[in-house]
C-alpha atoms as a PDB file:
ATOM      1  CA  MET A   1      -0.082   0.158  -0.121  1.00  0.00           C
ATOM      2  CA  VAL A   2       1.344   3.340  -1.333  1.00  0.00           C
ATOM      3  CA  ARG A   3       1.212   6.225   2.262  1.00  0.00           C
ATOM      4  CA  GLU A   4       1.535   9.381   1.570  1.00  0.00           C
ATOM      5  CA  LEU A   5       4.009  10.928   4.760  1.00  0.00           C
ATOM      6  CA  ASP A   6       4.115  13.974   5.586  1.00  0.00           C
ATOM      7  CA  ASP A   7       6.627  14.600   3.649  1.00  0.00           C
ATOM      8  CA  LYS A   8       4.807  13.735   0.089  1.00  0.00           C
ATOM      9  CA  LYS A   9       7.283  10.895   0.074  1.00  0.00           C
ATOM     10  CA  LEU A  10       5.683   7.562  -1.386  1.00  0.00           C
ATOM     11  CA  VAL A  11       5.813   4.903   0.821  1.00  0.00           C
ATOM     12  CA  ARG A  12       4.622   1.359  -1.323  1.00  0.00           C
ATOM     13  CA  GLY A  13       3.442  -2.064   0.114  1.00  0.00           C
ATOM     14  CA  ARG A  14       1.440  -4.881  -1.840  1.00  0.00           C
ATOM     15  CA  SER A  15       2.349  -4.924  -4.824  1.00  0.00           C
ATOM     16  CA  HIS A  16       0.302  -3.394  -8.580  1.00  0.00           C
ATOM     17  CA  SER A  17      -0.175  -4.620 -11.784  1.00  0.00           C
ATOM     18  CA  ILE A  18      -2.769  -4.452 -15.005  1.00  0.00           C
ATOM     19  CA  LEU A  19      -3.205  -7.561 -17.123  1.00  0.00           C
ATOM     20  CA  MET A  20      -5.502  -6.841 -19.769  1.00  0.00           C
ATOM     21  CA  GLU A  21      -7.143  -9.116 -22.082  1.00  0.00           C
ATOM     22  CA  ASN A  22      -7.839  -9.006 -25.832  1.00  0.00           C
ATOM     23  CA  ARG A  23      -9.319  -5.241 -25.023  1.00  0.00           C
ATOM     24  CA  GLU A  24     -12.335  -6.661 -22.515  1.00  0.00           C
ATOM     25  CA  ARG A  25     -10.725  -7.234 -19.436  1.00  0.00           C
ATOM     26  CA  VAL A  26      -8.930  -5.702 -17.775  1.00  0.00           C
ATOM     27  CA  THR A  27      -7.264  -6.565 -13.487  1.00  0.00           C
ATOM     28  CA  ILE A  28      -6.141  -4.628 -11.950  1.00  0.00           C
ATOM     29  CA  THR A  29      -4.280  -5.539  -8.848  1.00  0.00           C
ATOM     30  CA  GLY A  30      -3.570  -3.248  -5.964  1.00  0.00           C
ATOM     31  CA  VAL A  31      -7.004  -1.191  -5.832  1.00  0.00           C
ATOM     32  CA  GLN A  32      -7.846   1.363  -2.797  1.00  0.00           C
ATOM     33  CA  ASP A  33     -11.238   2.112  -3.634  1.00  0.00           C
ATOM     34  CA  VAL A  34     -13.104   3.323  -6.392  1.00  0.00           C
ATOM     35  CA  ASP A  35     -14.283   6.289  -7.007  1.00  0.00           C
ATOM     36  CA  SER A  36     -17.044   6.175  -9.896  1.00  0.00           C
ATOM     37  CA  PHE A  37     -18.245   3.660 -12.359  1.00  0.00           C
ATOM     38  CA  ASP A  38     -20.585   4.268 -15.711  1.00  0.00           C
ATOM     39  CA  GLU A  39     -20.401   2.496 -18.322  1.00  0.00           C
ATOM     40  CA  GLY A  40     -17.653   3.967 -19.661  1.00  0.00           C
ATOM     41  CA  SER A  41     -15.428   5.012 -17.133  1.00  0.00           C
ATOM     42  CA  VAL A  42     -13.827   3.437 -14.469  1.00  0.00           C
ATOM     43  CA  LEU A  43     -12.491   6.107 -11.989  1.00  0.00           C
ATOM     44  CA  LEU A  44     -10.290   4.599  -9.241  1.00  0.00           C
ATOM     45  CA  VAL A  45      -7.973   4.552  -6.042  1.00  0.00           C
ATOM     46  CA  THR A  46      -4.899   2.507  -6.091  1.00  0.00           C
ATOM     47  CA  ASP A  47      -1.796   2.771  -4.475  1.00  0.00           C
ATOM     48  CA  LEU A  48       0.672   3.654  -6.689  1.00  0.00           C
ATOM     49  CA  GLY A  49      -1.955   6.625  -8.302  1.00  0.00           C
ATOM     50  CA  TYR A  50      -5.737   6.902  -9.192  1.00  0.00           C
ATOM     51  CA  ILE A  51      -6.121   5.141 -12.713  1.00  0.00           C
ATOM     52  CA  ALA A  52      -9.227   5.841 -15.304  1.00  0.00           C
ATOM     53  CA  LEU A  53     -10.365   3.028 -16.810  1.00  0.00           C
ATOM     54  CA  HIS A  54     -12.160   4.404 -20.345  1.00  0.00           C
ATOM     55  CA  GLY A  55     -14.127   2.122 -22.191  1.00  0.00           C
ATOM     56  CA  ILE A  56     -17.575   0.971 -23.966  1.00  0.00           C
ATOM     57  CA  ASP A  57     -20.247  -0.891 -22.114  1.00  0.00           C
ATOM     58  CA  LEU A  58     -17.742  -1.572 -18.974  1.00  0.00           C
ATOM     59  CA  HIS A  59     -18.743  -3.316 -16.077  1.00  0.00           C
ATOM     60  CA  ILE A  60     -17.018  -4.411 -12.631  1.00  0.00           C
ATOM     61  CA  SER A  61     -17.401  -8.041 -12.836  1.00  0.00           C
ATOM     62  CA  LYS A  62     -15.500  -8.576  -9.475  1.00  0.00           C
ATOM     63  CA  LEU A  63     -13.841  -6.156  -6.193  1.00  0.00           C
ATOM     64  CA  ASN A  64     -11.884  -6.596  -4.016  1.00  0.00           C
ATOM     65  CA  LEU A  65     -10.824  -4.662  -1.530  1.00  0.00           C
ATOM     66  CA  GLU A  66      -9.561  -6.126   1.290  1.00  0.00           C
ATOM     67  CA  ASP A  67      -7.330  -7.847  -1.520  1.00  0.00           C
ATOM     68  CA  GLY A  68      -7.425  -4.774  -3.429  1.00  0.00           C
ATOM     69  CA  GLN A  69      -8.412  -6.615  -7.055  1.00  0.00           C
ATOM     70  CA  LEU A  70     -10.554  -5.286  -9.104  1.00  0.00           C
ATOM     71  CA  ILE A  71     -11.446  -7.043 -12.655  1.00  0.00           C
ATOM     72  CA  VAL A  72     -13.236  -4.726 -15.481  1.00  0.00           C
ATOM     73  CA  GLU A  73     -14.833  -5.863 -18.930  1.00  0.00           C
ATOM     74  CA  GLY A  74     -16.138  -4.687 -22.434  1.00  0.00           C
ATOM     75  CA  GLU A  75     -14.743  -2.496 -24.416  1.00  0.00           C
ATOM     76  CA  ILE A  76     -11.760  -1.470 -22.928  1.00  0.00           C
ATOM     77  CA  ILE A  77     -10.382   2.217 -24.815  1.00  0.00           C
ATOM     78  CA  GLY A  78      -8.159   3.377 -23.190  1.00  0.00           C
ATOM     79  CA  ILE A  79      -5.983   3.615 -19.476  1.00  0.00           C
ATOM     80  CA  GLU A  80      -4.560   6.504 -18.180  1.00  0.00           C
ATOM     81  CA  TYR A  81      -3.129   7.083 -14.371  1.00  0.00           C
ATOM     82  CA  ASN A  82      -2.309  10.616 -12.481  1.00  0.00           C
ATOM     83  CA  ASP A  83      -0.137  10.430  -8.847  1.00  0.00           C
ATOM     84  CA  HIS A  84      -1.633  11.608  -6.327  1.00  0.00           C
ATOM     85  CA  ASP A  85      -0.538  15.161  -6.344  1.00  0.00           C
ATOM     86  CA  GLY A  86      -2.157  15.451 -10.199  1.00  0.00           C
ATOM     87  CA  LEU A  87      -5.515  15.484  -8.477  1.00  0.00           C
ATOM     88  CA  GLY A  88      -6.368  18.790  -7.324  1.00  0.00           C
ATOM     89  CA  GLY A  89      -4.973  22.588  -7.452  1.00  0.00           C
ATOM     90  CA  LYS A  90      -6.100  25.568  -9.018  1.00  0.00           C
ATOM     91  CA  SER A  91      -7.117  24.144 -12.207  1.00  0.00           C
ATOM     92  CA  GLY A  92      -8.885  21.604 -10.919  1.00  0.00           C
ATOM     93  CA  GLY A  93      -6.924  19.257 -12.036  1.00  0.00           C
ATOM     94  CA  PHE A  94      -7.387  15.213 -12.545  1.00  0.00           C
ATOM     95  CA  PHE A  95     -11.169  15.218 -12.383  1.00  0.00           C
ATOM     96  CA  LYS A  96     -12.281  18.003 -14.167  1.00  0.00           C
ATOM     97  CA  LYS A  97     -10.017  17.229 -18.143  1.00  0.00           C
ATOM     98  CA  LEU A  98     -11.670  13.845 -17.502  1.00  0.00           C
ATOM     99  CA  PHE A  99     -15.258  15.443 -17.748  1.00  0.00           C
ATOM    100  CA  ARG A 100     -14.774  18.271 -20.419  1.00  0.00           C
END
């Protein structure tokens, strides 16, 4: 797990990986939480930052936060990373750009 310390350093714990199968199924480990999801996108928090998963007809087939595992099925169009520091700020950050 990654924890932010007072001096903004990240500390790693469990492993993080992404396995995509034929752009139809993606398994992500190191997941801490799912911020939001719909048929077009899944926004999640991992041990190494935020991930936006984009696609068509997406659905979560498995979510186990205790083990940190997420499986999403559908037509995968893209995966985008953003670190913890890039989500806020004066410009609105990651989510503002995502929902323009």
